[in-house]
Amino acid sequence: MFKLLRLAAPLTLLSSAYASKVAGAWYAGWHATNGYPVSNISWDKYNTVYYSFATTTSDVNTISLEGSNGALLPVFVSEAHAHGVKAHIAIGGWGGSIYFSSNVATAENRTAFVDTVLDFVGKYDLDGVNFDWEYPDKQGIGCNIVSSDDSANFLSFLQELREESCSNLTISAAVSLTPFRDSTGNPSTDVSAFAKVLDYVAIMDYDVWGSWSSAVGPNAPLEDSCATSSEQQGSADSAVKAWSNAGMPADKIVLGVASYGHSYSVSPSDAFVSGTKTLAAYPAFNSANQPVGDAWDNTGSVDSCGNYAGSGGTFDFWGLVDGGFLNSEGTTAPGIYSRIDSCSQTPYVYNETSEVMISYDNADSFTAKGTFIKNTGLLGYAMWQAGGDYNNILVNAINSAV
């Protein structure tokens, strides 16, 4: 049903005044045959779309599209160009960053990997490359090769890539809330060398709180300085300050925003402020009972490390509508309790019957983030992921705000 509703979405063109900014979204190739084909992308809302993911391999001369419907990439590029949109490839991701470290570990490997990336760009007529290494000098999925020299080697690789690439190739990186680690293992206080070779970084301001956390918290907080110290896990505001203070200019920072949220199993005794039907802030949840998310949620599979991973509890924005938490206008459905956290500027919904609470982003929180982007002089936004929206409610909100 959500696919048909997307096709009926109202037409709202991206303002030409925003053309110099990044209005972006990642496109998950594996969803092309699962409810969101390339034809469903609202090309008029964006000027940049990142095909996700090409992944690193043990062979520095090869990057792989296995698992991401790679045969569709030429169609994606053709459609993007037909609509005047820049087609980028995202390399890495949570499950695809295993061999980044070894691919840039030596001068020989870096040169080979530069050639591999540029050959890939030429083969598919791409406009840009987005490196989504999760994470340099820090373990991600669990079996990544990691080295204390990762950040320095990554910089050397990017410098060589920039030198060897054509001038109109956009080179970007999806990054965590804190700058790349330095040789001491701490967030670097100087990333100015990265600023010289990257067109921009996209700060992934999401997955800040989730099933791994001690309480229910905001998936993608805009602000956190107004929260208690134990609730300050990072936010868009703190991340932009950290990267800016380390030498990344504001106009080279793109804010990553989320079209999804995380679910938690919360008993009514924890969900509500005692004696009321007002939802409590940061309630406890049952970590042993992870609620399954929407139809795109992982319900159990073997990950890239060969380990079994259960449900992630992810609800895309359309999944919140399909699941009865929101109505077709993207606002709280009848019988569902809701709360707005004024600090993080993000909403929560709760179904008392199923005892499922979800922290997510709605049109208001996307508007707030768009205003933040405008007021702080950031380069724009990139949404994970285009297919998560419903009737363009989220992207329309952020485009209007910026």
Protein backbone atom coordinates (compact mmCIF):
# COMPACT_ATOMS: atom_id res chain seq x y z
CA MET A 1 0.00 0.00 0.00
CA PHE A 2 2.75 2.46 0.87
CA LYS A 3 4.17 2.16 -2.65
CA LEU A 4 0.93 3.31 -4.24
CA LEU A 5 0.66 6.21 -1.86
CA ARG A 6 4.16 7.32 -2.74
CA LEU A 7 3.28 7.35 -6.42
CA ALA A 8 0.37 9.63 -5.62
CA ALA A 9 2.56 12.10 -3.75
CA PRO A 10 2.07 15.80 -4.48
CA LEU A 11 4.70 17.47 -6.66
CA THR A 12 6.90 19.90 -4.78
CA LEU A 13 9.97 20.93 -6.76
CA LEU A 14 13.32 21.53 -5.10
CA SER A 15 13.90 25.28 -5.06
CA SER A 16 16.52 26.53 -7.51
CA ALA A 17 17.78 28.75 -4.69
CA TYR A 18 18.95 25.56 -2.97
CA ALA A 19 20.83 24.23 -6.00
CA SER A 20 24.26 25.01 -4.54
CA LYS A 21 23.44 23.05 -1.38
CA VAL A 22 23.19 19.28 -0.92
CA ALA A 23 19.65 17.94 -0.86
CA GLY A 24 20.49 14.28 -0.71
CA ALA A 25 19.30 10.80 0.15
CA TRP A 26 20.76 7.34 0.13
CA TYR A 27 19.00 4.73 -2.01
CA ALA A 28 19.16 1.13 -0.77
CA GLY A 29 19.53 -1.05 -3.86
CA TRP A 30 18.30 -4.15 -2.02
CA HIS A 31 14.86 -2.59 -1.63
CA ALA A 32 14.41 -2.22 -5.40
CA THR A 33 12.51 -5.53 -5.52
CA ASN A 34 10.96 -5.06 -2.09
CA GLY A 35 8.61 -2.12 -2.43
CA TYR A 36 10.81 0.72 -3.62
CA PRO A 37 12.07 0.48 -7.22
CA VAL A 38 14.10 3.27 -8.82
CA SER A 39 10.89 4.55 -10.44
CA ASN A 40 9.60 5.45 -6.95
CA ILE A 41 12.41 7.87 -6.16
CA SER A 42 11.07 11.42 -5.95
CA TRP A 43 13.86 12.83 -8.10
CA ASP A 44 12.44 16.35 -7.98
CA LYS A 45 13.08 16.51 -4.22
CA TYR A 46 16.85 15.94 -4.38
CA ASN A 47 19.93 17.04 -6.25
CA THR A 48 22.10 14.16 -5.02
CA VAL A 49 21.27 10.48 -4.46
CA TYR A 50 23.75 7.87 -3.20
CA TYR A 51 23.35 4.29 -4.43
CA SER A 52 24.00 1.99 -1.48
CA PHE A 53 26.16 0.03 -1.06
CA ALA A 54 29.24 -1.01 -2.91
CA THR A 55 31.32 -2.91 -0.36
CA THR A 56 34.99 -3.43 0.30
CA THR A 57 36.50 -6.85 -0.36
CA SER A 58 39.70 -8.69 0.56
CA ASP A 59 40.91 -7.94 -2.97
CA VAL A 60 41.99 -4.29 -3.16
CA ASN A 61 41.32 -4.40 -6.90
CA THR A 62 37.63 -5.14 -6.42
CA ILE A 63 34.61 -3.51 -4.81
CA SER A 64 31.40 -5.48 -4.75
CA LEU A 65 27.72 -4.76 -5.39
CA GLU A 66 26.64 -8.18 -4.13
CA GLY A 67 23.51 -7.84 -2.01
CA SER A 68 22.65 -4.40 -3.37
CA ASN A 69 21.02 -5.36 -6.68
CA GLY A 70 24.08 -4.23 -8.60
CA ALA A 71 22.52 -4.88 -12.00
CA LEU A 72 20.23 -1.93 -11.25
CA LEU A 73 23.03 0.61 -10.86
CA PRO A 74 23.15 1.63 -14.58
CA VAL A 75 19.38 2.19 -14.52
CA PHE A 76 19.75 4.28 -11.35
CA VAL A 77 22.47 6.45 -12.92
CA SER A 78 20.50 6.90 -16.12
CA GLU A 79 17.35 7.94 -14.26
CA ALA A 80 19.28 10.31 -12.00
CA HIS A 81 20.92 12.05 -14.95
CA ALA A 82 17.61 12.22 -16.84
CA HIS A 83 16.22 14.18 -13.88
CA GLY A 84 19.25 16.42 -13.45
CA VAL A 85 20.31 14.68 -10.24
CA LYS A 86 23.89 13.74 -9.34
CA ALA A 87 24.40 9.98 -9.04
CA HIS A 88 26.87 8.95 -6.35
CA ILE A 89 28.01 5.54 -5.13
CA ALA A 90 28.23 4.92 -1.39
CA ILE A 91 31.06 2.52 -0.52
CA GLY A 92 31.03 0.67 2.79
CA GLY A 93 28.13 0.85 5.20
CA TRP A 94 27.68 -1.15 8.39
CA GLY A 95 28.22 -4.49 6.68
CA GLY A 96 30.59 -3.37 3.93
CA SER A 97 33.50 -1.74 5.76
CA ILE A 98 35.40 -4.89 6.73
CA TYR A 99 38.39 -4.34 4.41
CA PHE A 100 38.72 -0.56 4.32
CA SER A 101 41.66 -0.70 6.71
CA SER A 102 43.67 -3.22 4.70
CA ASN A 103 42.78 -1.52 1.40
CA VAL A 104 44.46 1.71 2.51
CA ALA A 105 47.15 0.22 4.81
CA THR A 106 50.11 0.55 2.43
CA ALA A 107 51.14 2.92 -0.35
CA GLU A 108 50.81 0.08 -2.84
CA ASN A 109 47.31 -0.78 -1.67
CA ARG A 110 46.22 2.85 -1.63
CA THR A 111 47.28 3.34 -5.25
CA ALA A 112 45.51 0.14 -6.25
CA PHE A 113 42.36 1.13 -4.37
CA VAL A 114 42.39 4.58 -5.99
CA ASP A 115 42.50 2.87 -9.39
CA THR A 116 39.69 0.50 -8.34
CA VAL A 117 37.43 3.36 -7.25
CA LEU A 118 38.12 5.49 -10.33
CA ASP A 119 37.58 2.53 -12.65
CA PHE A 120 34.24 1.92 -10.94
CA VAL A 121 33.29 5.59 -11.30
CA GLY A 122 34.15 5.53 -14.99
CA LYS A 123 32.38 2.24 -15.67
CA TYR A 124 29.09 3.50 -14.26
CA ASP A 125 29.37 7.21 -15.22
CA LEU A 126 29.09 8.33 -11.59
CA ASP A 127 29.28 11.91 -10.37
CA GLY A 128 30.57 11.21 -6.89
CA VAL A 129 31.84 8.76 -4.30
CA ASN A 130 30.64 8.68 -0.70
CA PHE A 131 32.93 6.74 1.64
CA ASP A 132 30.92 5.25 4.49
CA TRP A 133 33.69 3.64 6.55
CA GLU A 134 32.18 2.48 9.82
CA TYR A 135 34.67 3.23 11.35
CA PRO A 136 38.38 4.17 11.01
CA ASP A 137 40.33 2.89 14.04
CA LYS A 138 37.09 1.75 15.68
CA GLN A 139 35.24 -1.52 15.41
CA GLY A 140 31.83 -1.43 13.78
CA ILE A 141 30.00 -4.63 12.86
CA GLY A 142 32.44 -6.77 14.81
CA CYS A 143 34.89 -8.27 12.32
CA ASN A 144 36.31 -5.20 10.61
CA ILE A 145 40.07 -4.98 10.18
CA VAL A 146 41.14 -2.13 12.46
CA SER A 147 44.42 -0.24 12.83
CA SER A 148 45.55 2.74 14.87
CA ASP A 149 46.85 4.14 11.56
CA ASP A 150 43.44 4.00 9.86
CA SER A 151 42.71 7.73 9.88
CA ALA A 152 46.18 8.70 8.66
CA ASN A 153 46.05 6.06 5.94
CA PHE A 154 42.54 7.14 4.94
CA LEU A 155 43.77 10.71 4.57
CA SER A 156 46.69 9.59 2.39
CA PHE A 157 44.30 7.58 0.24
CA LEU A 158 41.92 10.53 -0.17
CA GLN A 159 44.78 12.84 -1.08
CA GLU A 160 45.88 10.46 -3.81
CA LEU A 161 42.31 9.96 -5.00
CA ARG A 162 41.79 13.71 -5.22
CA GLU A 163 45.03 14.13 -7.16
CA GLU A 164 44.17 11.38 -9.63
CA SER A 165 40.48 12.15 -10.11
CA CYS A 166 38.86 14.62 -12.45
CA SER A 167 38.03 18.00 -10.95
CA ASN A 168 34.27 17.50 -11.14
CA LEU A 169 34.18 14.26 -9.13
CA THR A 170 32.54 14.86 -5.75
CA ILE A 171 34.31 13.05 -2.90
CA SER A 172 32.51 12.85 0.43
CA ALA A 173 32.50 10.77 3.60
CA ALA A 174 29.70 9.65 5.90
CA VAL A 175 31.06 10.15 9.41
CA SER A 176 30.17 9.60 13.05
CA LEU A 177 29.29 12.33 15.55
CA THR A 178 32.94 12.80 16.52
CA PRO A 179 35.91 13.46 14.21
CA PHE A 180 38.13 10.66 12.93
CA ARG A 181 40.38 9.19 15.60
CA ASP A 182 43.98 10.36 15.78
CA SER A 183 47.03 8.22 16.60
CA THR A 184 46.10 8.22 20.30
CA GLY A 185 42.70 6.70 19.64
CA ASN A 186 40.86 9.90 20.55
CA PRO A 187 38.75 12.12 18.28
CA SER A 188 41.12 14.31 16.29
CA THR A 189 41.32 17.99 17.15
CA ASP A 190 42.53 18.79 13.63
CA VAL A 191 40.78 17.45 10.53
CA SER A 192 41.73 20.42 8.35
CA ALA A 193 43.73 18.15 6.02
CA PHE A 194 40.57 16.12 5.38
CA ALA A 195 38.71 19.36 4.65
CA LYS A 196 41.15 20.08 1.83
CA VAL A 197 40.45 16.83 -0.03
CA LEU A 198 36.81 16.13 0.80
CA ASP A 199 33.99 18.15 -0.72
CA TYR A 200 32.06 17.49 2.46
CA VAL A 201 31.37 15.14 5.34
CA ALA A 202 27.87 13.87 6.08
CA ILE A 203 27.43 13.52 9.84
CA MET A 204 25.30 10.45 10.59
CA ASP A 205 23.12 11.93 13.32
CA TYR A 206 21.11 8.76 13.93
CA ASP A 207 21.31 5.51 15.88
CA VAL A 208 22.36 7.63 18.85
CA TRP A 209 19.98 5.64 21.08
CA GLY A 210 18.66 2.15 20.36
CA SER A 211 18.32 -1.39 21.68
CA TRP A 212 21.93 -1.22 22.92
CA SER A 213 21.15 1.75 25.19
CA SER A 214 20.27 1.84 28.88
CA ALA A 215 16.89 3.51 28.31
CA VAL A 216 14.58 4.67 25.54
CA GLY A 217 16.17 7.72 23.95
CA PRO A 218 16.06 9.81 20.77
CA ASN A 219 17.26 8.04 17.62
CA ALA A 220 18.38 11.29 15.97
CA PRO A 221 18.59 14.15 18.48
CA LEU A 222 19.02 17.69 17.23
CA GLU A 223 20.18 18.95 20.63
CA ASP A 224 21.32 17.34 23.88
CA SER A 225 23.00 20.02 25.98
CA CYS A 226 19.70 20.59 27.78
CA ALA A 227 19.55 16.92 28.87
CA THR A 228 21.16 15.46 31.99
CA SER A 229 24.77 14.34 31.60
CA SER A 230 23.78 10.66 31.42
CA GLU A 231 21.41 11.45 28.58
CA GLN A 232 23.99 13.33 26.51
CA GLN A 233 25.00 10.68 23.99
CA GLY A 234 25.53 13.10 21.10
CA SER A 235 23.41 15.20 18.79
CA ALA A 236 23.46 17.17 15.56
CA ASP A 237 24.41 20.30 17.46
CA SER A 238 27.28 18.74 19.43
CA ALA A 239 28.55 16.88 16.34
CA VAL A 240 28.65 19.99 14.17
CA LYS A 241 30.51 21.85 16.91
CA ALA A 242 33.02 18.99 17.29
CA TRP A 243 33.76 18.79 13.57
CA SER A 244 33.82 22.58 13.15
CA ASN A 245 36.16 23.06 16.11
CA ALA A 246 38.47 20.43 14.59
CA GLY A 247 38.74 22.39 11.34
CA MET A 248 35.90 21.20 9.12
CA PRO A 249 34.18 24.36 7.78
CA ALA A 250 30.42 24.52 8.31
CA ASP A 251 29.88 24.83 4.57
CA LYS A 252 31.58 21.45 4.15
CA ILE A 253 29.23 19.72 6.61
CA VAL A 254 26.05 17.94 5.56
CA LEU A 255 23.64 16.76 8.25
CA GLY A 256 22.58 13.13 7.98
CA VAL A 257 18.91 12.78 8.93
CA ALA A 258 16.82 9.67 9.55
CA SER A 259 13.55 8.60 7.96
CA TYR A 260 13.22 5.80 10.52
CA GLY A 261 13.09 5.14 14.24
CA HIS A 262 13.79 2.39 16.78
CA SER A 263 11.28 0.30 18.74
CA TYR A 264 11.40 -0.76 22.37
CA SER A 265 9.32 -3.04 24.58
CA VAL A 266 8.11 -0.82 27.43
CA SER A 267 5.62 -1.83 30.10
CA PRO A 268 2.86 0.68 30.94
CA SER A 269 4.29 1.07 34.45
CA ASP A 270 7.51 2.40 32.90
CA ALA A 271 6.00 4.13 29.88
CA PHE A 272 3.83 6.59 31.81
CA VAL A 273 4.60 9.09 34.54
CA SER A 274 3.14 7.54 37.68
CA GLY A 275 -0.58 8.20 38.05
CA THR A 276 -0.90 9.79 34.60
CA LYS A 277 -1.15 8.94 30.93
CA THR A 278 1.77 11.23 30.12
CA LEU A 279 4.68 9.41 28.53
CA ALA A 280 7.82 9.42 30.65
CA ALA A 281 11.19 10.61 29.40
CA TYR A 282 13.92 7.98 29.01
CA PRO A 283 11.91 5.05 30.40
CA ALA A 284 13.37 1.60 31.03
CA PHE A 285 12.65 -1.11 28.46
CA ASN A 286 12.82 -4.90 28.22
CA SER A 287 15.96 -5.58 26.19
CA ALA A 288 15.14 -9.30 26.09
CA ASN A 289 12.01 -8.63 24.04
CA GLN A 290 12.92 -6.64 20.93
CA PRO A 291 9.74 -5.72 19.03
CA VAL A 292 9.94 -6.52 15.32
CA GLY A 293 9.87 -3.44 13.12
CA ASP A 294 8.15 -2.92 9.78
CA ALA A 295 8.27 -5.12 6.67
CA TRP A 296 11.82 -3.98 5.91
CA ASP A 297 13.15 -4.84 9.35
CA ASN A 298 15.68 -7.63 9.70
CA THR A 299 13.77 -10.46 11.35
CA GLY A 300 16.86 -12.61 11.74
CA SER A 301 19.79 -13.35 9.43
CA VAL A 302 23.53 -13.99 9.31
CA ASP A 303 25.53 -10.77 9.07
CA SER A 304 28.72 -10.01 7.14
CA CYS A 305 30.80 -11.46 9.96
CA GLY A 306 28.92 -14.76 9.80
CA ASN A 307 27.07 -14.14 13.04
CA TYR A 308 23.32 -14.40 13.55
CA ALA A 309 21.60 -11.06 14.07
CA GLY A 310 18.01 -10.85 15.25
CA SER A 311 15.39 -8.19 14.67
CA GLY A 312 16.66 -4.64 14.71
CA GLY A 313 13.29 -3.14 15.59
CA THR A 314 13.49 -0.52 12.84
CA PHE A 315 10.36 1.34 11.76
CA ASP A 316 10.61 3.48 8.63
CA PHE A 317 8.31 6.48 8.56
CA TRP A 318 5.98 4.64 6.17
CA GLY A 319 6.18 1.65 8.56
CA LEU A 320 4.82 3.79 11.38
CA VAL A 321 1.82 4.53 9.17
CA ASP A 322 1.43 0.91 8.11
CA GLY A 323 1.78 -0.18 11.74
CA GLY A 324 -1.02 2.10 12.93
CA PHE A 325 1.18 4.41 15.00
CA LEU A 326 0.66 7.34 12.62
CA ASN A 327 -2.18 8.33 10.30
CA SER A 328 -1.81 9.09 6.60
CA GLU A 329 -0.96 12.71 7.45
CA GLY A 330 2.06 11.55 9.42
CA THR A 331 0.61 12.56 12.79
CA THR A 332 -0.30 10.41 15.77
CA ALA A 333 -3.07 7.87 15.08
CA PRO A 334 -6.12 7.49 17.35
CA GLY A 335 -5.46 5.38 20.43
CA ILE A 336 -1.68 5.99 20.30
CA TYR A 337 0.09 8.01 22.97
CA SER A 338 2.76 10.48 21.94
CA ARG A 339 5.40 12.73 23.44
CA ILE A 340 7.69 15.43 22.08
CA ASP A 341 11.09 15.71 23.73
CA SER A 342 11.71 19.45 23.68
CA CYS A 343 15.45 19.01 24.17
CA SER A 344 16.18 16.62 21.30
CA GLN A 345 13.18 17.99 19.34
CA THR A 346 12.11 14.47 18.39
CA PRO A 347 8.82 12.61 18.95
CA TYR A 348 7.88 9.28 20.53
CA VAL A 349 4.79 7.13 20.08
CA TYR A 350 3.48 4.34 22.31
CA ASN A 351 0.91 1.59 21.83
CA GLU A 352 -0.21 0.60 25.32
CA THR A 353 -1.80 -2.63 24.06
CA SER A 354 1.30 -3.99 22.34
CA GLU A 355 3.62 -2.17 24.77
CA VAL A 356 5.75 -0.89 21.89
CA MET A 357 7.39 2.54 22.09
CA ILE A 358 9.18 4.09 19.11
CA SER A 359 11.49 7.09 18.95
CA TYR A 360 11.55 8.58 15.46
CA ASP A 361 11.50 11.78 13.40
CA ASN A 362 8.41 13.48 11.97
CA ALA A 363 7.76 16.55 9.83
CA ASP A 364 8.24 18.89 12.79
CA SER A 365 11.63 17.44 13.72
CA PHE A 366 12.72 17.55 10.06
CA THR A 367 11.62 21.19 9.93
CA ALA A 368 13.68 21.90 13.05
CA LYS A 369 16.72 20.24 11.49
CA GLY A 370 16.23 22.15 8.26
CA THR A 371 16.14 25.40 10.22
CA PHE A 372 19.29 24.34 12.07
CA ILE A 373 21.04 23.65 8.75
CA LYS A 374 20.07 27.06 7.46
CA ASN A 375 20.97 28.96 10.61
CA THR A 376 24.37 27.29 11.07
CA GLY A 377 25.37 27.62 7.43
CA LEU A 378 25.70 23.90 6.75
CA LEU A 379 25.96 22.59 3.21
CA GLY A 380 22.70 20.66 3.37
CA TYR A 381 21.25 17.32 4.37
CA ALA A 382 21.35 13.66 3.38
CA MET A 383 18.57 11.31 4.44
CA TRP A 384 18.86 7.63 5.22
CA GLN A 385 17.00 6.56 3.28
CA ALA A 386 14.83 7.82 0.39
CA GLY A 387 12.59 4.78 0.65
CA GLY A 388 11.79 5.40 4.30
CA ASP A 389 9.65 8.48 3.75
CA TYR A 390 5.87 8.43 3.32
CA ASN A 391 4.23 10.58 0.67
CA ASN A 392 7.32 12.85 0.83
CA ILE A 393 6.18 14.23 4.19
CA LEU A 394 9.70 14.34 5.64
CA VAL A 395 11.62 15.57 2.62
CA ASN A 396 9.01 18.26 1.92
CA ALA A 397 9.40 19.49 5.49
CA ILE A 398 13.18 19.77 5.42
CA ASN A 399 13.26 21.26 1.92
CA SER A 400 10.80 23.93 3.00
CA ALA A 401 12.85 24.76 6.08
CA VAL A 402 16.20 25.11 4.35
